Amino acid sequence: MGTSSRAIAALMACALVTGCFGYNKSAKRWAYVGDTILVLGGGGVIAGDLATKDKACMDTGTTKCEYQPPFSGAIVVGAVLVAAGLFGYVFNATRDNVKTSR
């Protein structure tokens, strides 16, 4: 995954980390759409990072491999996006509708 893709994913995670919350029936519908976008976007970031993962390096007598962390920053960003979307689902489902006068 390129540096620009990681920067975009990190910016998206920071901007949308709270999930989407609605206060009435109509707003909750759109909040569910926003939460779905968060979950799908996070899943896409995770899938993209796993699909472009480098091959594992094997140490030999002549070749030394550098440290490879068990998961990358993109996977963390994807997990945060998915968690924010799931939190938004639960919060919207359990929140009472606010009565507004019109």
N, C-alpha and C. Protein backbone atom coordinates (compact mmCIF):
# COMPACT_ATOMS: atom_id res chain seq x y z
N MET A 1 0.85 -1.17 0.00
CA MET A 1 0.00 0.00 0.00
C MET A 1 0.89 1.22 0.00
N GLY A 2 0.62 2.18 -0.88
CA GLY A 2 1.46 3.35 -1.01
C GLY A 2 1.29 4.32 0.14
N THR A 3 2.24 5.26 0.23
CA THR A 3 2.21 6.25 1.29
C THR A 3 0.98 7.12 1.19
N SER A 4 0.58 7.52 -0.02
CA SER A 4 -0.59 8.38 -0.16
C SER A 4 -1.86 7.64 0.26
N SER A 5 -1.96 6.35 -0.03
CA SER A 5 -3.12 5.57 0.39
C SER A 5 -3.19 5.48 1.91
N ARG A 6 -2.06 5.31 2.54
CA ARG A 6 -2.03 5.26 4.00
C ARG A 6 -2.41 6.60 4.60
N ALA A 7 -1.95 7.68 3.99
CA ALA A 7 -2.29 9.01 4.49
C ALA A 7 -3.79 9.27 4.36
N ILE A 8 -4.37 8.89 3.25
CA ILE A 8 -5.81 9.06 3.05
C ILE A 8 -6.58 8.21 4.06
N ALA A 9 -6.16 6.97 4.26
CA ALA A 9 -6.84 6.09 5.22
C ALA A 9 -6.72 6.65 6.64
N ALA A 10 -5.57 7.18 7.00
CA ALA A 10 -5.39 7.75 8.33
C ALA A 10 -6.25 9.00 8.51
N LEU A 11 -6.33 9.84 7.49
CA LEU A 11 -7.16 11.03 7.55
C LEU A 11 -8.63 10.66 7.68
N MET A 12 -9.05 9.65 6.93
CA MET A 12 -10.43 9.19 7.02
C MET A 12 -10.74 8.64 8.41
N ALA A 13 -9.81 7.90 8.97
CA ALA A 13 -10.02 7.34 10.30
C ALA A 13 -10.15 8.44 11.34
N CYS A 14 -9.31 9.46 11.25
CA CYS A 14 -9.38 10.57 12.21
C CYS A 14 -10.68 11.34 12.08
N ALA A 15 -11.13 11.54 10.85
CA ALA A 15 -12.34 12.32 10.62
C ALA A 15 -13.59 11.56 11.00
N LEU A 16 -13.59 10.26 10.83
CA LEU A 16 -14.81 9.48 11.01
C LEU A 16 -14.75 8.51 12.18
N VAL A 17 -13.81 8.68 13.07
CA VAL A 17 -13.60 7.72 14.15
C VAL A 17 -14.80 7.65 15.11
N THR A 18 -15.63 8.66 15.14
CA THR A 18 -16.75 8.67 16.08
C THR A 18 -17.96 7.92 15.57
N GLY A 19 -18.01 7.55 14.30
CA GLY A 19 -19.19 6.90 13.76
C GLY A 19 -20.24 7.93 13.43
N CYS A 20 -21.41 7.47 13.01
CA CYS A 20 -22.51 8.36 12.64
C CYS A 20 -23.69 8.09 13.56
N PHE A 21 -24.28 9.14 14.12
CA PHE A 21 -25.39 8.99 15.05
C PHE A 21 -26.57 9.84 14.60
N GLY A 22 -27.77 9.30 14.70
CA GLY A 22 -28.97 10.03 14.34
C GLY A 22 -29.82 10.32 15.56
N TYR A 23 -30.64 11.36 15.47
CA TYR A 23 -31.47 11.76 16.60
C TYR A 23 -32.95 11.50 16.35
N ASN A 24 -33.37 11.31 15.09
CA ASN A 24 -34.74 10.93 14.81
C ASN A 24 -34.74 9.85 13.74
N LYS A 25 -35.93 9.40 13.33
CA LYS A 25 -36.01 8.25 12.42
C LYS A 25 -35.29 8.51 11.09
N SER A 26 -35.50 9.67 10.51
CA SER A 26 -34.86 10.00 9.23
C SER A 26 -33.35 10.12 9.38
N ALA A 27 -32.91 10.79 10.42
CA ALA A 27 -31.47 10.96 10.63
C ALA A 27 -30.80 9.63 10.93
N LYS A 28 -31.51 8.74 11.62
CA LYS A 28 -30.94 7.43 11.92
C LYS A 28 -30.74 6.62 10.65
N ARG A 29 -31.68 6.74 9.70
CA ARG A 29 -31.50 6.02 8.43
C ARG A 29 -30.21 6.44 7.74
N TRP A 30 -29.98 7.74 7.67
CA TRP A 30 -28.75 8.23 7.03
C TRP A 30 -27.52 7.90 7.86
N ALA A 31 -27.68 7.85 9.18
CA ALA A 31 -26.55 7.46 10.03
C ALA A 31 -26.17 6.00 9.78
N TYR A 32 -27.17 5.15 9.55
CA TYR A 32 -26.88 3.75 9.22
C TYR A 32 -26.13 3.66 7.89
N VAL A 33 -26.48 4.51 6.94
CA VAL A 33 -25.76 4.54 5.67
C VAL A 33 -24.30 4.94 5.93
N GLY A 34 -24.09 5.97 6.73
CA GLY A 34 -22.73 6.40 7.06
C GLY A 34 -21.95 5.32 7.80
N ASP A 35 -22.60 4.63 8.73
CA ASP A 35 -21.94 3.55 9.46
C ASP A 35 -21.57 2.39 8.53
N THR A 36 -22.45 2.11 7.57
CA THR A 36 -22.17 1.06 6.60
C THR A 36 -20.96 1.42 5.75
N ILE A 37 -20.86 2.70 5.37
CA ILE A 37 -19.69 3.15 4.60
C ILE A 37 -18.42 3.00 5.42
N LEU A 38 -18.49 3.29 6.72
CA LEU A 38 -17.32 3.10 7.58
C LEU A 38 -16.90 1.64 7.63
N VAL A 39 -17.86 0.74 7.81
CA VAL A 39 -17.53 -0.69 7.91
C VAL A 39 -16.96 -1.19 6.59
N LEU A 40 -17.60 -0.84 5.48
CA LEU A 40 -17.11 -1.29 4.18
C LEU A 40 -15.75 -0.67 3.84
N GLY A 41 -15.57 0.60 4.17
CA GLY A 41 -14.28 1.25 3.93
C GLY A 41 -13.17 0.62 4.75
N GLY A 42 -13.44 0.33 6.01
CA GLY A 42 -12.45 -0.33 6.86
C GLY A 42 -12.11 -1.72 6.36
N GLY A 43 -13.14 -2.45 5.93
CA GLY A 43 -12.89 -3.77 5.36
C GLY A 43 -12.08 -3.69 4.08
N GLY A 44 -12.34 -2.66 3.27
CA GLY A 44 -11.57 -2.46 2.04
C GLY A 44 -10.12 -2.13 2.31
N VAL A 45 -9.87 -1.30 3.33
CA VAL A 45 -8.49 -0.96 3.70
C VAL A 45 -7.74 -2.20 4.16
N ILE A 46 -8.40 -3.02 4.99
CA ILE A 46 -7.77 -4.25 5.48
C ILE A 46 -7.50 -5.21 4.32
N ALA A 47 -8.50 -5.40 3.46
CA ALA A 47 -8.34 -6.31 2.32
C ALA A 47 -7.24 -5.83 1.37
N GLY A 48 -7.20 -4.52 1.12
CA GLY A 48 -6.17 -3.97 0.25
C GLY A 48 -4.78 -4.17 0.80
N ASP A 49 -4.64 -3.99 2.11
CA ASP A 49 -3.32 -4.18 2.71
C ASP A 49 -2.90 -5.65 2.68
N LEU A 50 -3.83 -6.55 2.96
CA LEU A 50 -3.49 -7.97 2.94
C LEU A 50 -3.22 -8.47 1.53
N ALA A 51 -3.90 -7.90 0.54
CA ALA A 51 -3.71 -8.33 -0.85
C ALA A 51 -2.37 -7.87 -1.41
N THR A 52 -1.84 -6.77 -0.89
CA THR A 52 -0.58 -6.24 -1.40
C THR A 52 0.59 -6.50 -0.46
N LYS A 53 0.44 -7.44 0.43
CA LYS A 53 1.49 -7.76 1.40
C LYS A 53 2.70 -8.36 0.69
N ASP A 54 3.88 -7.98 1.15
CA ASP A 54 5.11 -8.53 0.58
C ASP A 54 5.28 -9.99 0.99
N LYS A 55 6.01 -10.72 0.16
CA LYS A 55 6.29 -12.11 0.48
C LYS A 55 7.16 -12.19 1.72
N ALA A 56 7.01 -13.27 2.45
CA ALA A 56 7.83 -13.47 3.65
C ALA A 56 9.28 -13.71 3.24
N CYS A 57 10.19 -13.14 3.99
CA CYS A 57 11.62 -13.28 3.71
C CYS A 57 12.17 -14.44 4.53
N MET A 58 13.05 -15.19 3.94
CA MET A 58 13.67 -16.31 4.63
C MET A 58 15.15 -15.97 4.85
N ASP A 59 15.57 -16.01 6.11
CA ASP A 59 16.98 -15.76 6.42
C ASP A 59 17.84 -16.91 5.89
N THR A 60 18.88 -16.53 5.20
CA THR A 60 19.86 -17.52 4.76
C THR A 60 21.22 -17.05 5.26
N GLY A 61 22.23 -17.77 4.97
CA GLY A 61 23.57 -17.38 5.40
C GLY A 61 24.04 -16.09 4.75
N THR A 62 23.57 -15.81 3.55
CA THR A 62 24.01 -14.61 2.84
C THR A 62 22.99 -13.47 2.88
N THR A 63 21.73 -13.77 3.13
CA THR A 63 20.67 -12.76 3.11
C THR A 63 20.07 -12.61 4.50
N LYS A 64 20.00 -11.37 4.98
CA LYS A 64 19.35 -11.09 6.25
C LYS A 64 18.05 -10.34 5.98
N CYS A 65 17.02 -10.69 6.69
CA CYS A 65 15.71 -10.05 6.51
C CYS A 65 15.51 -8.98 7.58
N GLU A 66 14.86 -7.89 7.16
CA GLU A 66 14.54 -6.85 8.14
C GLU A 66 13.28 -7.26 8.90
N TYR A 67 13.06 -6.59 10.02
CA TYR A 67 11.91 -6.92 10.87
C TYR A 67 10.61 -6.62 10.14
N GLN A 68 9.68 -7.55 10.17
CA GLN A 68 8.35 -7.38 9.61
C GLN A 68 7.34 -7.44 10.76
N PRO A 69 6.64 -6.33 11.06
CA PRO A 69 5.66 -6.37 12.14
C PRO A 69 4.50 -7.30 11.79
N PRO A 70 3.83 -7.84 12.80
CA PRO A 70 2.74 -8.78 12.52
C PRO A 70 1.56 -8.13 11.80
N PHE A 71 1.35 -6.83 12.00
CA PHE A 71 0.29 -6.13 11.27
C PHE A 71 0.76 -4.70 11.00
N SER A 72 0.24 -4.13 9.93
CA SER A 72 0.68 -2.80 9.51
C SER A 72 -0.27 -1.72 10.03
N GLY A 73 0.10 -0.48 9.79
CA GLY A 73 -0.73 0.64 10.19
C GLY A 73 -2.05 0.67 9.46
N ALA A 74 -2.07 0.19 8.21
CA ALA A 74 -3.31 0.16 7.44
C ALA A 74 -4.32 -0.78 8.06
N ILE A 75 -3.87 -1.89 8.61
CA ILE A 75 -4.78 -2.81 9.27
C ILE A 75 -5.36 -2.16 10.53
N VAL A 76 -4.55 -1.41 11.25
CA VAL A 76 -5.04 -0.70 12.44
C VAL A 76 -6.09 0.33 12.04
N VAL A 77 -5.82 1.09 10.97
CA VAL A 77 -6.77 2.10 10.49
C VAL A 77 -8.08 1.43 10.07
N GLY A 78 -7.98 0.33 9.34
CA GLY A 78 -9.17 -0.41 8.93
C GLY A 78 -9.97 -0.92 10.11
N ALA A 79 -9.29 -1.43 11.11
CA ALA A 79 -9.97 -1.92 12.31
C ALA A 79 -10.68 -0.79 13.05
N VAL A 80 -10.05 0.40 13.09
CA VAL A 80 -10.68 1.55 13.75
C VAL A 80 -11.93 1.97 12.99
N LEU A 81 -11.88 1.99 11.66
CA LEU A 81 -13.05 2.35 10.86
C LEU A 81 -14.18 1.35 11.07
N VAL A 82 -13.87 0.06 11.06
CA VAL A 82 -14.89 -0.97 11.28
C VAL A 82 -15.48 -0.83 12.68
N ALA A 83 -14.64 -0.63 13.69
CA ALA A 83 -15.12 -0.48 15.06
C ALA A 83 -16.02 0.75 15.20
N ALA A 84 -15.66 1.86 14.54
CA ALA A 84 -16.48 3.07 14.61
C ALA A 84 -17.85 2.81 13.98
N GLY A 85 -17.87 2.12 12.86
CA GLY A 85 -19.15 1.80 12.22
C GLY A 85 -20.01 0.89 13.07
N LEU A 86 -19.40 -0.13 13.67
CA LEU A 86 -20.16 -1.04 14.54
C LEU A 86 -20.68 -0.31 15.78
N PHE A 87 -19.86 0.57 16.34
CA PHE A 87 -20.32 1.36 17.49
C PHE A 87 -21.50 2.24 17.09
N GLY A 88 -21.43 2.83 15.89
CA GLY A 88 -22.53 3.65 15.40
C GLY A 88 -23.81 2.85 15.25
N TYR A 89 -23.71 1.61 14.74
CA TYR A 89 -24.90 0.75 14.63
C TYR A 89 -25.54 0.54 16.00
N VAL A 90 -24.73 0.15 16.97
CA VAL A 90 -25.25 -0.15 18.31
C VAL A 90 -25.83 1.11 18.94
N PHE A 91 -25.14 2.24 18.81
CA PHE A 91 -25.60 3.48 19.42
C PHE A 91 -26.93 3.92 18.81
N ASN A 92 -27.05 3.83 17.49
CA ASN A 92 -28.31 4.22 16.85
C ASN A 92 -29.45 3.29 17.22
N ALA A 93 -29.17 2.01 17.33
CA ALA A 93 -30.21 1.04 17.64
C ALA A 93 -30.74 1.21 19.06
N THR A 94 -29.90 1.66 19.96
CA THR A 94 -30.31 1.77 21.37
C THR A 94 -30.73 3.18 21.76
N ARG A 95 -30.56 4.16 20.88
CA ARG A 95 -30.88 5.54 21.22
C ARG A 95 -32.34 5.84 20.93
N ASP A 96 -33.02 6.52 21.86
CA ASP A 96 -34.41 6.93 21.66
C ASP A 96 -34.49 8.07 20.64
N ASN A 97 -35.60 8.11 19.92
CA ASN A 97 -35.82 9.20 18.98
C ASN A 97 -36.16 10.47 19.73
N VAL A 98 -35.66 11.59 19.24
CA VAL A 98 -35.93 12.89 19.84
C VAL A 98 -37.16 13.47 19.14
N LYS A 99 -38.12 13.92 19.94
CA LYS A 99 -39.33 14.54 19.38
C LYS A 99 -39.01 16.01 19.05
N THR A 100 -39.20 16.35 17.79
CA THR A 100 -38.98 17.74 17.38
C THR A 100 -40.32 18.33 16.94
N SER A 101 -40.52 19.62 17.20
CA SER A 101 -41.77 20.25 16.80
C SER A 101 -41.57 20.98 15.48
N ARG A 102 -42.52 20.76 14.59
CA ARG A 102 -42.46 21.43 13.29
C ARG A 102 -43.81 21.99 12.97
